[in-house]
PDB file of N, CA and C in Angstrom:
ATOM      1  N   MET A   1      15.579   8.914  -1.120  1.00  0.00           N
ATOM      2  CA  MET A   1      17.024   8.950  -0.964  1.00  0.00           C
ATOM      3  C   MET A   1      17.710   9.189  -2.306  1.00  0.00           C
ATOM      4  N   GLU A   2      17.181   8.549  -3.367  1.00  0.00           N
ATOM      5  CA  GLU A   2      17.786   8.709  -4.686  1.00  0.00           C
ATOM      6  C   GLU A   2      17.640  10.149  -5.180  1.00  0.00           C
ATOM      7  N   LYS A   3      16.494  10.791  -4.888  1.00  0.00           N
ATOM      8  CA  LYS A   3      16.299  12.186  -5.289  1.00  0.00           C
ATOM      9  C   LYS A   3      17.299  13.093  -4.583  1.00  0.00           C
ATOM     10  N   LYS A   4      17.555  12.808  -3.320  1.00  0.00           N
ATOM     11  CA  LYS A   4      18.505  13.611  -2.571  1.00  0.00           C
ATOM     12  C   LYS A   4      19.906  13.451  -3.156  1.00  0.00           C
ATOM     13  N   THR A   5      20.271  12.227  -3.529  1.00  0.00           N
ATOM     14  CA  THR A   5      21.566  11.968  -4.146  1.00  0.00           C
ATOM     15  C   THR A   5      21.677  12.713  -5.468  1.00  0.00           C
ATOM     16  N   MET A   6      20.626  12.652  -6.288  1.00  0.00           N
ATOM     17  CA  MET A   6      20.629  13.333  -7.576  1.00  0.00           C
ATOM     18  C   MET A   6      20.735  14.841  -7.380  1.00  0.00           C
ATOM     19  N   SER A   7      20.038  15.382  -6.393  1.00  0.00           N
ATOM     20  CA  SER A   7      20.104  16.820  -6.130  1.00  0.00           C
ATOM     21  C   SER A   7      21.519  17.228  -5.751  1.00  0.00           C
ATOM     22  N   CYS A   8      22.152  16.429  -4.927  1.00  0.00           N
ATOM     23  CA  CYS A   8      23.531  16.717  -4.532  1.00  0.00           C
ATOM     24  C   CYS A   8      24.474  16.647  -5.728  1.00  0.00           C
ATOM     25  N   LEU A   9      24.258  15.672  -6.610  1.00  0.00           N
ATOM     26  CA  LEU A   9      25.094  15.549  -7.797  1.00  0.00           C
ATOM     27  C   LEU A   9      24.921  16.747  -8.724  1.00  0.00           C
ATOM     28  N   VAL A  10      23.693  17.190  -8.918  1.00  0.00           N
ATOM     29  CA  VAL A  10      23.451  18.353  -9.774  1.00  0.00           C
ATOM     30  C   VAL A  10      24.099  19.595  -9.163  1.00  0.00           C
ATOM     31  N   LEU A  11      23.984  19.766  -7.858  1.00  0.00           N
ATOM     32  CA  LEU A  11      24.615  20.889  -7.186  1.00  0.00           C
ATOM     33  C   LEU A  11      26.128  20.822  -7.337  1.00  0.00           C
ATOM     34  N   ALA A  12      26.692  19.645  -7.122  1.00  0.00           N
ATOM     35  CA  ALA A  12      28.137  19.472  -7.265  1.00  0.00           C
ATOM     36  C   ALA A  12      28.577  19.769  -8.693  1.00  0.00           C
ATOM     37  N   PHE A  13      27.786  19.318  -9.670  1.00  0.00           N
ATOM     38  CA  PHE A  13      28.090  19.570 -11.063  1.00  0.00           C
ATOM     39  C   PHE A  13      28.085  21.077 -11.335  1.00  0.00           C
ATOM     40  N   GLY A  14      27.119  21.772 -10.798  1.00  0.00           N
ATOM     41  CA  GLY A  14      27.048  23.219 -10.970  1.00  0.00           C
ATOM     42  C   GLY A  14      28.260  23.932 -10.388  1.00  0.00           C
ATOM     43  N   LEU A  15      28.677  23.496  -9.219  1.00  0.00           N
ATOM     44  CA  LEU A  15      29.865  24.088  -8.602  1.00  0.00           C
ATOM     45  C   LEU A  15      31.116  23.793  -9.416  1.00  0.00           C
ATOM     46  N   MET A  16      31.189  22.595  -9.972  1.00  0.00           N
ATOM     47  CA  MET A  16      32.335  22.246 -10.805  1.00  0.00           C
ATOM     48  C   MET A  16      32.358  23.094 -12.074  1.00  0.00           C
ATOM     49  N   ILE A  17      31.189  23.411 -12.619  1.00  0.00           N
ATOM     50  CA  ILE A  17      31.126  24.282 -13.800  1.00  0.00           C
ATOM     51  C   ILE A  17      31.788  25.617 -13.472  1.00  0.00           C
ATOM     52  N   ILE A  18      31.485  26.149 -12.310  1.00  0.00           N
ATOM     53  CA  ILE A  18      32.063  27.431 -11.910  1.00  0.00           C
ATOM     54  C   ILE A  18      33.586  27.323 -11.847  1.00  0.00           C
ATOM     55  N   LEU A  19      34.087  26.243 -11.279  1.00  0.00           N
ATOM     56  CA  LEU A  19      35.535  26.055 -11.187  1.00  0.00           C
ATOM     57  C   LEU A  19      36.175  25.937 -12.563  1.00  0.00           C
ATOM     58  N   VAL A  20      35.558  25.163 -13.443  1.00  0.00           N
ATOM     59  CA  VAL A  20      36.098  24.994 -14.791  1.00  0.00           C
ATOM     60  C   VAL A  20      36.063  26.314 -15.534  1.00  0.00           C
ATOM     61  N   LEU A  21      34.989  27.049 -15.385  1.00  0.00           N
ATOM     62  CA  LEU A  21      34.863  28.311 -16.100  1.00  0.00           C
ATOM     63  C   LEU A  21      35.888  29.330 -15.643  1.00  0.00           C
ATOM     64  N   ASN A  22      36.238  29.291 -14.391  1.00  0.00           N
ATOM     65  CA  ASN A  22      37.273  30.198 -13.913  1.00  0.00           C
ATOM     66  C   ASN A  22      38.607  29.881 -14.566  1.00  0.00           C
ATOM     67  N   ALA A  23      38.825  28.618 -14.886  1.00  0.00           N
ATOM     68  CA  ALA A  23      40.058  28.213 -15.546  1.00  0.00           C
ATOM     69  C   ALA A  23      40.001  28.453 -17.047  1.00  0.00           C
ATOM     70  N   ARG A  24      38.793  28.454 -17.634  1.00  0.00           N
ATOM     71  CA  ARG A  24      38.639  28.573 -19.085  1.00  0.00           C
ATOM     72  C   ARG A  24      37.612  29.647 -19.425  1.00  0.00           C
ATOM     73  N   ALA A  25      37.790  30.831 -18.968  1.00  0.00           N
ATOM     74  CA  ALA A  25      36.786  31.872 -19.138  1.00  0.00           C
ATOM     75  C   ALA A  25      36.994  32.762 -20.361  1.00  0.00           C
ATOM     76  N   SER A  26      37.548  32.212 -21.437  1.00  0.00           N
ATOM     77  CA  SER A  26      37.740  33.047 -22.626  1.00  0.00           C
ATOM     78  C   SER A  26      36.472  33.069 -23.469  1.00  0.00           C
ATOM     79  N   PRO A  27      35.955  34.258 -23.766  1.00  0.00           N
ATOM     80  CA  PRO A  27      34.746  34.345 -24.571  1.00  0.00           C
ATOM     81  C   PRO A  27      35.034  33.988 -26.030  1.00  0.00           C
ATOM     82  N   LEU A  28      34.045  33.466 -26.700  1.00  0.00           N
ATOM     83  CA  LEU A  28      34.150  33.104 -28.106  1.00  0.00           C
ATOM     84  C   LEU A  28      33.293  34.042 -28.935  1.00  0.00           C
ATOM     85  N   ASP A  29      33.411  33.927 -30.232  1.00  0.00           N
ATOM     86  CA  ASP A  29      32.565  34.720 -31.120  1.00  0.00           C
ATOM     87  C   ASP A  29      31.120  34.247 -31.053  1.00  0.00           C
ATOM     88  N   GLY A  30      30.901  33.039 -30.578  1.00  0.00           N
ATOM     89  CA  GLY A  30      29.568  32.475 -30.483  1.00  0.00           C
ATOM     90  C   GLY A  30      29.329  31.952 -29.081  1.00  0.00           C
ATOM     91  N   ILE A  31      28.945  30.692 -28.983  1.00  0.00           N
ATOM     92  CA  ILE A  31      28.656  30.067 -27.698  1.00  0.00           C
ATOM     93  C   ILE A  31      29.931  29.970 -26.849  1.00  0.00           C
ATOM     94  N   THR A  32      29.790  30.248 -25.570  1.00  0.00           N
ATOM     95  CA  THR A  32      30.927  30.158 -24.653  1.00  0.00           C
ATOM     96  C   THR A  32      30.934  28.798 -23.967  1.00  0.00           C
ATOM     97  N   CYS A  33      32.028  28.502 -23.319  1.00  0.00           N
ATOM     98  CA  CYS A  33      32.145  27.265 -22.545  1.00  0.00           C
ATOM     99  C   CYS A  33      31.047  27.228 -21.480  1.00  0.00           C
ATOM    100  N   GLU A  34      30.852  28.340 -20.789  1.00  0.00           N
ATOM    101  CA  GLU A  34      29.824  28.413 -19.745  1.00  0.00           C
ATOM    102  C   GLU A  34      28.438  28.108 -20.308  1.00  0.00           C
ATOM    103  N   GLU A  35      28.119  28.715 -21.448  1.00  0.00           N
ATOM    104  CA  GLU A  35      26.808  28.490 -22.061  1.00  0.00           C
ATOM    105  C   GLU A  35      26.635  27.031 -22.476  1.00  0.00           C
ATOM    106  N   ALA A  36      27.679  26.460 -23.046  1.00  0.00           N
ATOM    107  CA  ALA A  36      27.597  25.069 -23.483  1.00  0.00           C
ATOM    108  C   ALA A  36      27.400  24.137 -22.287  1.00  0.00           C
ATOM    109  N   LEU A  37      28.193  24.323 -21.244  1.00  0.00           N
ATOM    110  CA  LEU A  37      28.072  23.459 -20.069  1.00  0.00           C
ATOM    111  C   LEU A  37      26.723  23.630 -19.385  1.00  0.00           C
ATOM    112  N   THR A  38      26.210  24.850 -19.382  1.00  0.00           N
ATOM    113  CA  THR A  38      24.896  25.089 -18.796  1.00  0.00           C
ATOM    114  C   THR A  38      23.814  24.344 -19.573  1.00  0.00           C
ATOM    115  N   GLN A  39      23.923  24.348 -20.898  1.00  0.00           N
ATOM    116  CA  GLN A  39      22.934  23.644 -21.714  1.00  0.00           C
ATOM    117  C   GLN A  39      23.041  22.126 -21.554  1.00  0.00           C
ATOM    118  N   LEU A  40      24.211  21.645 -21.151  1.00  0.00           N
ATOM    119  CA  LEU A  40      24.414  20.202 -21.017  1.00  0.00           C
ATOM    120  C   LEU A  40      24.312  19.702 -19.581  1.00  0.00           C
ATOM    121  N   ILE A  41      23.974  20.571 -18.639  1.00  0.00           N
ATOM    122  CA  ILE A  41      23.912  20.163 -17.233  1.00  0.00           C
ATOM    123  C   ILE A  41      22.886  19.047 -17.009  1.00  0.00           C
ATOM    124  N   THR A  42      21.834  19.011 -17.808  1.00  0.00           N
ATOM    125  CA  THR A  42      20.827  17.961 -17.637  1.00  0.00           C
ATOM    126  C   THR A  42      21.342  16.590 -18.073  1.00  0.00           C
ATOM    127  N   CYS A  43      22.516  16.551 -18.701  1.00  0.00           N
ATOM    128  CA  CYS A  43      23.126  15.273 -19.103  1.00  0.00           C
ATOM    129  C   CYS A  43      23.929  14.649 -17.959  1.00  0.00           C
ATOM    130  N   ASN A  44      24.156  15.409 -16.906  1.00  0.00           N
ATOM    131  CA  ASN A  44      25.003  14.943 -15.814  1.00  0.00           C
ATOM    132  C   ASN A  44      24.616  13.572 -15.254  1.00  0.00           C
ATOM    133  N   PRO A  45      23.355  13.299 -14.964  1.00  0.00           N
ATOM    134  CA  PRO A  45      23.030  11.963 -14.443  1.00  0.00           C
ATOM    135  C   PRO A  45      23.452  10.844 -15.402  1.00  0.00           C
ATOM    136  N   TYR A  46      23.222  11.041 -16.691  1.00  0.00           N
ATOM    137  CA  TYR A  46      23.638  10.040 -17.676  1.00  0.00           C
ATOM    138  C   TYR A  46      25.167   9.909 -17.689  1.00  0.00           C
ATOM    139  N   PHE A  47      25.887  11.040 -17.703  1.00  0.00           N
ATOM    140  CA  PHE A  47      27.350  11.018 -17.735  1.00  0.00           C
ATOM    141  C   PHE A  47      27.944  10.266 -16.555  1.00  0.00           C
ATOM    142  N   LEU A  48      27.264  10.331 -15.408  1.00  0.00           N
ATOM    143  CA  LEU A  48      27.793   9.715 -14.194  1.00  0.00           C
ATOM    144  C   LEU A  48      27.309   8.280 -13.987  1.00  0.00           C
ATOM    145  N   GLY A  49      26.534   7.761 -14.951  1.00  0.00           N
ATOM    146  CA  GLY A  49      26.140   6.356 -14.882  1.00  0.00           C
ATOM    147  C   GLY A  49      24.740   6.093 -14.388  1.00  0.00           C
ATOM    148  N   PHE A  50      23.942   7.144 -14.220  1.00  0.00           N
ATOM    149  CA  PHE A  50      22.567   6.949 -13.775  1.00  0.00           C
ATOM    150  C   PHE A  50      21.664   6.829 -14.988  1.00  0.00           C
ATOM    151  N   GLY A  51      21.031   5.706 -15.146  1.00  0.00           N
ATOM    152  CA  GLY A  51      20.117   5.495 -16.269  1.00  0.00           C
ATOM    153  C   GLY A  51      20.831   5.008 -17.515  1.00  0.00           C
ATOM    154  N   PRO A  52      20.098   4.289 -18.360  1.00  0.00           N
ATOM    155  CA  PRO A  52      20.701   3.691 -19.558  1.00  0.00           C
ATOM    156  C   PRO A  52      20.864   4.664 -20.728  1.00  0.00           C
ATOM    157  N   SER A  53      20.173   5.796 -20.672  1.00  0.00           N
ATOM    158  CA  SER A  53      20.246   6.724 -21.800  1.00  0.00           C
ATOM    159  C   SER A  53      20.045   8.158 -21.322  1.00  0.00           C
ATOM    160  N   PRO A  54      20.482   9.123 -22.126  1.00  0.00           N
ATOM    161  CA  PRO A  54      20.280  10.523 -21.758  1.00  0.00           C
ATOM    162  C   PRO A  54      18.812  10.917 -21.866  1.00  0.00           C
ATOM    163  N   SER A  55      18.425  11.901 -21.116  1.00  0.00           N
ATOM    164  CA  SER A  55      17.041  12.382 -21.138  1.00  0.00           C
ATOM    165  C   SER A  55      16.782  13.182 -22.417  1.00  0.00           C
ATOM    166  N   PRO A  56      15.520  13.338 -22.799  1.00  0.00           N
ATOM    167  CA  PRO A  56      15.196  14.181 -23.961  1.00  0.00           C
ATOM    168  C   PRO A  56      15.691  15.625 -23.794  1.00  0.00           C
ATOM    169  N   ILE A  57      15.654  16.147 -22.570  1.00  0.00           N
ATOM    170  CA  ILE A  57      16.136  17.514 -22.320  1.00  0.00           C
ATOM    171  C   ILE A  57      17.645  17.582 -22.546  1.00  0.00           C
ATOM    172  N   CYS A  58      18.353  16.553 -22.126  1.00  0.00           N
ATOM    173  CA  CYS A  58      19.794  16.473 -22.364  1.00  0.00           C
ATOM    174  C   CYS A  58      20.066  16.503 -23.868  1.00  0.00           C
ATOM    175  N   CYS A  59      19.340  15.679 -24.613  1.00  0.00           N
ATOM    176  CA  CYS A  59      19.544  15.604 -26.068  1.00  0.00           C
ATOM    177  C   CYS A  59      19.232  16.925 -26.751  1.00  0.00           C
ATOM    178  N   LYS A  60      18.251  17.661 -26.243  1.00  0.00           N
ATOM    179  CA  LYS A  60      17.942  18.984 -26.791  1.00  0.00           C
ATOM    180  C   LYS A  60      19.116  19.930 -26.559  1.00  0.00           C
ATOM    181  N   GLY A  61      19.733  19.832 -25.403  1.00  0.00           N
ATOM    182  CA  GLY A  61      20.918  20.638 -25.124  1.00  0.00           C
ATOM    183  C   GLY A  61      22.069  20.298 -26.050  1.00  0.00           C
ATOM    184  N   VAL A  62      22.263  19.005 -26.311  1.00  0.00           N
ATOM    185  CA  VAL A  62      23.303  18.561 -27.237  1.00  0.00           C
ATOM    186  C   VAL A  62      23.051  19.154 -28.623  1.00  0.00           C
ATOM    187  N   GLN A  63      21.802  19.106 -29.046  1.00  0.00           N
ATOM    188  CA  GLN A  63      21.427  19.643 -30.350  1.00  0.00           C
ATOM    189  C   GLN A  63      21.697  21.155 -30.417  1.00  0.00           C
ATOM    190  N   ASN A  64      21.320  21.877 -29.380  1.00  0.00           N
ATOM    191  CA  ASN A  64      21.533  23.327 -29.339  1.00  0.00           C
ATOM    192  C   ASN A  64      23.014  23.685 -29.400  1.00  0.00           C
ATOM    193  N   VAL A  65      23.821  23.003 -28.603  1.00  0.00           N
ATOM    194  CA  VAL A  65      25.262  23.277 -28.589  1.00  0.00           C
ATOM    195  C   VAL A  65      25.864  22.941 -29.953  1.00  0.00           C
ATOM    196  N   SER A  66      25.458  21.819 -30.508  1.00  0.00           N
ATOM    197  CA  SER A  66      25.974  21.403 -31.809  1.00  0.00           C
ATOM    198  C   SER A  66      25.685  22.442 -32.889  1.00  0.00           C
ATOM    199  N   GLN A  67      24.495  22.979 -32.885  1.00  0.00           N
ATOM    200  CA  GLN A  67      24.106  23.983 -33.884  1.00  0.00           C
ATOM    201  C   GLN A  67      24.902  25.277 -33.736  1.00  0.00           C
ATOM    202  N   GLN A  68      25.317  25.584 -32.518  1.00  0.00           N
ATOM    203  CA  GLN A  68      26.037  26.832 -32.272  1.00  0.00           C
ATOM    204  C   GLN A  68      27.551  26.705 -32.469  1.00  0.00           C
ATOM    205  N   ALA A  69      28.025  25.474 -32.637  1.00  0.00           N
ATOM    206  CA  ALA A  69      29.458  25.241 -32.864  1.00  0.00           C
ATOM    207  C   ALA A  69      29.728  25.346 -34.363  1.00  0.00           C
ATOM    208  N   ASN A  70      29.628  26.572 -34.887  1.00  0.00           N
ATOM    209  CA  ASN A  70      29.615  26.756 -36.335  1.00  0.00           C
ATOM    210  C   ASN A  70      30.892  27.348 -36.933  1.00  0.00           C
ATOM    211  N   THR A  71      31.942  27.496 -36.135  1.00  0.00           N
ATOM    212  CA  THR A  71      33.227  27.923 -36.684  1.00  0.00           C
ATOM    213  C   THR A  71      34.325  27.042 -36.096  1.00  0.00           C
ATOM    214  N   THR A  72      35.455  27.017 -36.760  1.00  0.00           N
ATOM    215  CA  THR A  72      36.587  26.221 -36.271  1.00  0.00           C
ATOM    216  C   THR A  72      37.031  26.709 -34.899  1.00  0.00           C
ATOM    217  N   THR A  73      37.059  28.015 -34.702  1.00  0.00           N
ATOM    218  CA  THR A  73      37.476  28.577 -33.416  1.00  0.00           C
ATOM    219  C   THR A  73      36.541  28.142 -32.294  1.00  0.00           C
ATOM    220  N   ILE A  74      35.258  28.205 -32.542  1.00  0.00           N
ATOM    221  CA  ILE A  74      34.282  27.787 -31.528  1.00  0.00           C
ATOM    222  C   ILE A  74      34.410  26.295 -31.261  1.00  0.00           C
ATOM    223  N   ARG A  75      34.517  25.491 -32.311  1.00  0.00           N
ATOM    224  CA  ARG A  75      34.637  24.031 -32.119  1.00  0.00           C
ATOM    225  C   ARG A  75      35.886  23.682 -31.326  1.00  0.00           C
ATOM    226  N   ARG A  76      36.999  24.331 -31.622  1.00  0.00           N
ATOM    227  CA  ARG A  76      38.243  24.056 -30.889  1.00  0.00           C
ATOM    228  C   ARG A  76      38.087  24.460 -29.421  1.00  0.00           C
ATOM    229  N   SER A  77      37.503  25.614 -29.173  1.00  0.00           N
ATOM    230  CA  SER A  77      37.299  26.074 -27.788  1.00  0.00           C
ATOM    231  C   SER A  77      36.356  25.154 -27.033  1.00  0.00           C
ATOM    232  N   LEU A  78      35.286  24.710 -27.696  1.00  0.00           N
ATOM    233  CA  LEU A  78      34.356  23.782 -27.039  1.00  0.00           C
ATOM    234  C   LEU A  78      35.025  22.437 -26.784  1.00  0.00           C
ATOM    235  N   CYS A  79      35.843  21.988 -27.710  1.00  0.00           N
ATOM    236  CA  CYS A  79      36.576  20.737 -27.511  1.00  0.00           C
ATOM    237  C   CYS A  79      37.417  20.826 -26.240  1.00  0.00           C
ATOM    238  N   GLU A  80      38.162  21.922 -26.100  1.00  0.00           N
ATOM    239  CA  GLU A  80      38.994  22.119 -24.905  1.00  0.00           C
ATOM    240  C   GLU A  80      38.134  22.229 -23.643  1.00  0.00           C
ATOM    241  N   CYS A  81      37.017  22.912 -23.767  1.00  0.00           N
ATOM    242  CA  CYS A  81      36.083  23.061 -22.646  1.00  0.00           C
ATOM    243  C   CYS A  81      35.565  21.695 -22.197  1.00  0.00           C
ATOM    244  N   PHE A  82      35.107  20.891 -23.153  1.00  0.00           N
ATOM    245  CA  PHE A  82      34.548  19.574 -22.836  1.00  0.00           C
ATOM    246  C   PHE A  82      35.619  18.640 -22.290  1.00  0.00           C
ATOM    247  N   GLU A  83      36.823  18.741 -22.824  1.00  0.00           N
ATOM    248  CA  GLU A  83      37.922  17.912 -22.345  1.00  0.00           C
ATOM    249  C   GLU A  83      38.211  18.218 -20.876  1.00  0.00           C
ATOM    250  N   THR A  84      38.292  19.501 -20.545  1.00  0.00           N
ATOM    251  CA  THR A  84      38.543  19.924 -19.159  1.00  0.00           C
ATOM    252  C   THR A  84      37.385  19.518 -18.244  1.00  0.00           C
ATOM    253  N   ALA A  85      36.171  19.746 -18.713  1.00  0.00           N
ATOM    254  CA  ALA A  85      34.987  19.429 -17.909  1.00  0.00           C
ATOM    255  C   ALA A  85      34.875  17.927 -17.657  1.00  0.00           C
ATOM    256  N   ALA A  86      35.130  17.122 -18.688  1.00  0.00           N
ATOM    257  CA  ALA A  86      35.020  15.661 -18.542  1.00  0.00           C
ATOM    258  C   ALA A  86      35.979  15.155 -17.471  1.00  0.00           C
ATOM    259  N   LYS A  87      37.173  15.707 -17.443  1.00  0.00           N
ATOM    260  CA  LYS A  87      38.152  15.291 -16.432  1.00  0.00           C
ATOM    261  C   LYS A  87      37.755  15.803 -15.046  1.00  0.00           C
ATOM    262  N   ALA A  88      37.322  17.054 -14.978  1.00  0.00           N
ATOM    263  CA  ALA A  88      36.974  17.661 -13.687  1.00  0.00           C
ATOM    264  C   ALA A  88      35.751  17.005 -13.061  1.00  0.00           C
ATOM    265  N   PHE A  89      34.782  16.620 -13.884  1.00  0.00           N
ATOM    266  CA  PHE A  89      33.528  16.069 -13.373  1.00  0.00           C
ATOM    267  C   PHE A  89      33.544  14.554 -13.280  1.00  0.00           C
ATOM    268  N   GLN A  90      34.671  13.939 -13.649  1.00  0.00           N
ATOM    269  CA  GLN A  90      34.810  12.478 -13.628  1.00  0.00           C
ATOM    270  C   GLN A  90      33.705  11.796 -14.424  1.00  0.00           C
ATOM    271  N   ILE A  91      33.467  12.334 -15.608  1.00  0.00           N
ATOM    272  CA  ILE A  91      32.466  11.775 -16.515  1.00  0.00           C
ATOM    273  C   ILE A  91      32.987  10.459 -17.073  1.00  0.00           C
ATOM    274  N   ILE A  92      32.107   9.503 -17.216  1.00  0.00           N
ATOM    275  CA  ILE A  92      32.469   8.205 -17.778  1.00  0.00           C
ATOM    276  C   ILE A  92      32.702   8.407 -19.278  1.00  0.00           C
ATOM    277  N   PRO A  93      33.959   8.263 -19.755  1.00  0.00           N
ATOM    278  CA  PRO A  93      34.282   8.550 -21.158  1.00  0.00           C
ATOM    279  C   PRO A  93      33.410   7.802 -22.169  1.00  0.00           C
ATOM    280  N   LYS A  94      33.099   6.562 -21.896  1.00  0.00           N
ATOM    281  CA  LYS A  94      32.277   5.774 -22.819  1.00  0.00           C
ATOM    282  C   LYS A  94      30.903   6.419 -23.005  1.00  0.00           C
ATOM    283  N   ARG A  95      30.346   6.922 -21.928  1.00  0.00           N
ATOM    284  CA  ARG A  95      29.025   7.564 -22.012  1.00  0.00           C
ATOM    285  C   ARG A  95      29.101   8.871 -22.792  1.00  0.00           C
ATOM    286  N   LEU A  96      30.165   9.600 -22.600  1.00  0.00           N
ATOM    287  CA  LEU A  96      30.353  10.845 -23.343  1.00  0.00           C
ATOM    288  C   LEU A  96      30.429  10.554 -24.843  1.00  0.00           C
ATOM    289  N   LYS A  97      31.178   9.545 -25.220  1.00  0.00           N
ATOM    290  CA  LYS A  97      31.337   9.185 -26.631  1.00  0.00           C
ATOM    291  C   LYS A  97      30.023   8.705 -27.250  1.00  0.00           C
ATOM    292  N   GLN A  98      29.169   8.059 -26.469  1.00  0.00           N
ATOM    293  CA  GLN A  98      27.904   7.513 -26.973  1.00  0.00           C
ATOM    294  C   GLN A  98      26.809   8.568 -27.113  1.00  0.00           C
ATOM    295  N   LEU A  99      27.001   9.716 -26.492  1.00  0.00           N
ATOM    296  CA  LEU A  99      25.955  10.738 -26.449  1.00  0.00           C
ATOM    297  C   LEU A  99      25.408  11.136 -27.823  1.00  0.00           C
ATOM    298  N   PRO A 100      26.244  11.459 -28.807  1.00  0.00           N
ATOM    299  CA  PRO A 100      25.678  11.849 -30.114  1.00  0.00           C
ATOM    300  C   PRO A 100      24.805  10.758 -30.744  1.00  0.00           C
ATOM    301  N   GLN A 101      25.247   9.526 -30.654  1.00  0.00           N
ATOM    302  CA  GLN A 101      24.482   8.413 -31.231  1.00  0.00           C
ATOM    303  C   GLN A 101      23.149   8.230 -30.507  1.00  0.00           C
ATOM    304  N   LEU A 102      23.178   8.250 -29.197  1.00  0.00           N
ATOM    305  CA  LEU A 102      21.953   8.053 -28.427  1.00  0.00           C
ATOM    306  C   LEU A 102      20.969   9.208 -28.597  1.00  0.00           C
ATOM    307  N   CYS A 103      21.497  10.417 -28.796  1.00  0.00           N
ATOM    308  CA  CYS A 103      20.638  11.585 -28.997  1.00  0.00           C
ATOM    309  C   CYS A 103      20.289  11.793 -30.471  1.00  0.00           C
ATOM    310  N   LYS A 104      20.904  10.983 -31.330  1.00  0.00           N
ATOM    311  CA  LYS A 104      20.679  11.110 -32.776  1.00  0.00           C
ATOM    312  C   LYS A 104      20.999  12.520 -33.264  1.00  0.00           C
ATOM    313  N   VAL A 105      22.175  13.008 -32.832  1.00  0.00           N
ATOM    314  CA  VAL A 105      22.639  14.342 -33.190  1.00  0.00           C
ATOM    315  C   VAL A 105      24.073  14.229 -33.700  1.00  0.00           C
ATOM    316  N   GLU A 106      24.336  14.839 -34.848  1.00  0.00           N
ATOM    317  CA  GLU A 106      25.705  14.915 -35.336  1.00  0.00           C
ATOM    318  C   GLU A 106      26.372  16.090 -34.645  1.00  0.00           C
ATOM    319  N   VAL A 107      27.513  15.822 -34.049  1.00  0.00           N
ATOM    320  CA  VAL A 107      28.221  16.892 -33.354  1.00  0.00           C
ATOM    321  C   VAL A 107      29.538  17.179 -34.078  1.00  0.00           C
ATOM    322  N   PRO A 108      29.875  18.455 -34.239  1.00  0.00           N
ATOM    323  CA  PRO A 108      31.099  18.817 -34.940  1.00  0.00           C
ATOM    324  C   PRO A 108      32.351  18.753 -34.063  1.00  0.00           C
ATOM    325  N   VAL A 109      32.171  18.389 -32.809  1.00  0.00           N
ATOM    326  CA  VAL A 109      33.266  18.299 -31.855  1.00  0.00           C
ATOM    327  C   VAL A 109      33.341  16.867 -31.353  1.00  0.00           C
ATOM    328  N   THR A 110      34.530  16.277 -31.378  1.00  0.00           N
ATOM    329  CA  THR A 110      34.696  14.932 -30.862  1.00  0.00           C
ATOM    330  C   THR A 110      34.495  14.940 -29.349  1.00  0.00           C
ATOM    331  N   LEU A 111      33.608  14.097 -28.867  1.00  0.00           N
ATOM    332  CA  LEU A 111      33.342  14.027 -27.424  1.00  0.00           C
ATOM    333  C   LEU A 111      34.175  12.912 -26.823  1.00  0.00           C
ATOM    334  N   ASP A 112      35.423  13.234 -26.563  1.00  0.00           N
ATOM    335  CA  ASP A 112      36.382  12.277 -26.037  1.00  0.00           C
ATOM    336  C   ASP A 112      37.402  13.071 -25.220  1.00  0.00           C
ATOM    337  N   PRO A 113      37.522  12.788 -23.928  1.00  0.00           N
ATOM    338  CA  PRO A 113      38.442  13.569 -23.093  1.00  0.00           C
ATOM    339  C   PRO A 113      39.914  13.362 -23.439  1.00  0.00           C
ATOM    340  N   THR A 114      40.231  12.422 -24.340  1.00  0.00           N
ATOM    341  CA  THR A 114      41.627  12.196 -24.703  1.00  0.00           C
ATOM    342  C   THR A 114      41.971  12.732 -26.086  1.00  0.00           C
ATOM    343  N   VAL A 115      41.024  13.367 -26.756  1.00  0.00           N
ATOM    344  CA  VAL A 115      41.254  13.853 -28.120  1.00  0.00           C
ATOM    345  C   VAL A 115      42.172  15.083 -28.125  1.00  0.00           C
ATOM    346  N   ASP A 116      42.949  15.227 -29.182  1.00  0.00           N
ATOM    347  CA  ASP A 116      43.788  16.407 -29.365  1.00  0.00           C
ATOM    348  C   ASP A 116      42.923  17.468 -30.052  1.00  0.00           C
ATOM    349  N   CYS A 117      42.582  18.506 -29.328  1.00  0.00           N
ATOM    350  CA  CYS A 117      41.681  19.542 -29.845  1.00  0.00           C
ATOM    351  C   CYS A 117      42.308  20.412 -30.930  1.00  0.00           C
ATOM    352  N   ASN A 118      43.600  20.305 -31.127  1.00  0.00           N
ATOM    353  CA  ASN A 118      44.277  21.119 -32.127  1.00  0.00           C
ATOM    354  C   ASN A 118      44.310  20.470 -33.516  1.00  0.00           C
ATOM    355  N   THR A 119      43.735  19.296 -33.625  1.00  0.00           N
ATOM    356  CA  THR A 119      43.734  18.635 -34.946  1.00  0.00           C
ATOM    357  C   THR A 119      42.419  18.786 -35.644  1.00  0.00           C
TER     358      THR A 119
END
């Protein structure tokens, strides 16, 4: 039963990515919102409260996205992307904020759905 629930959540998360991307489909000079969210899809169970920590695959995605956020324009766009996604997917804000520490990855973008991305 738990596997079926997780499968439904992953499917729902994927559909939500499509909706968010339609609202924020501006390409960047580097990584796009779609690419970033795709790399972080394995973090969804952790974001929604399943399990005490993110999976190693999730942390690898965090590391990849972090490495590709190498300009101010990309970081600002990813900040806006993550802010929109966090609200749309009903991600637990505390878990989002803890992700860099738990994955032992420094991220150049504040992971907080209430942050002002223009600062």
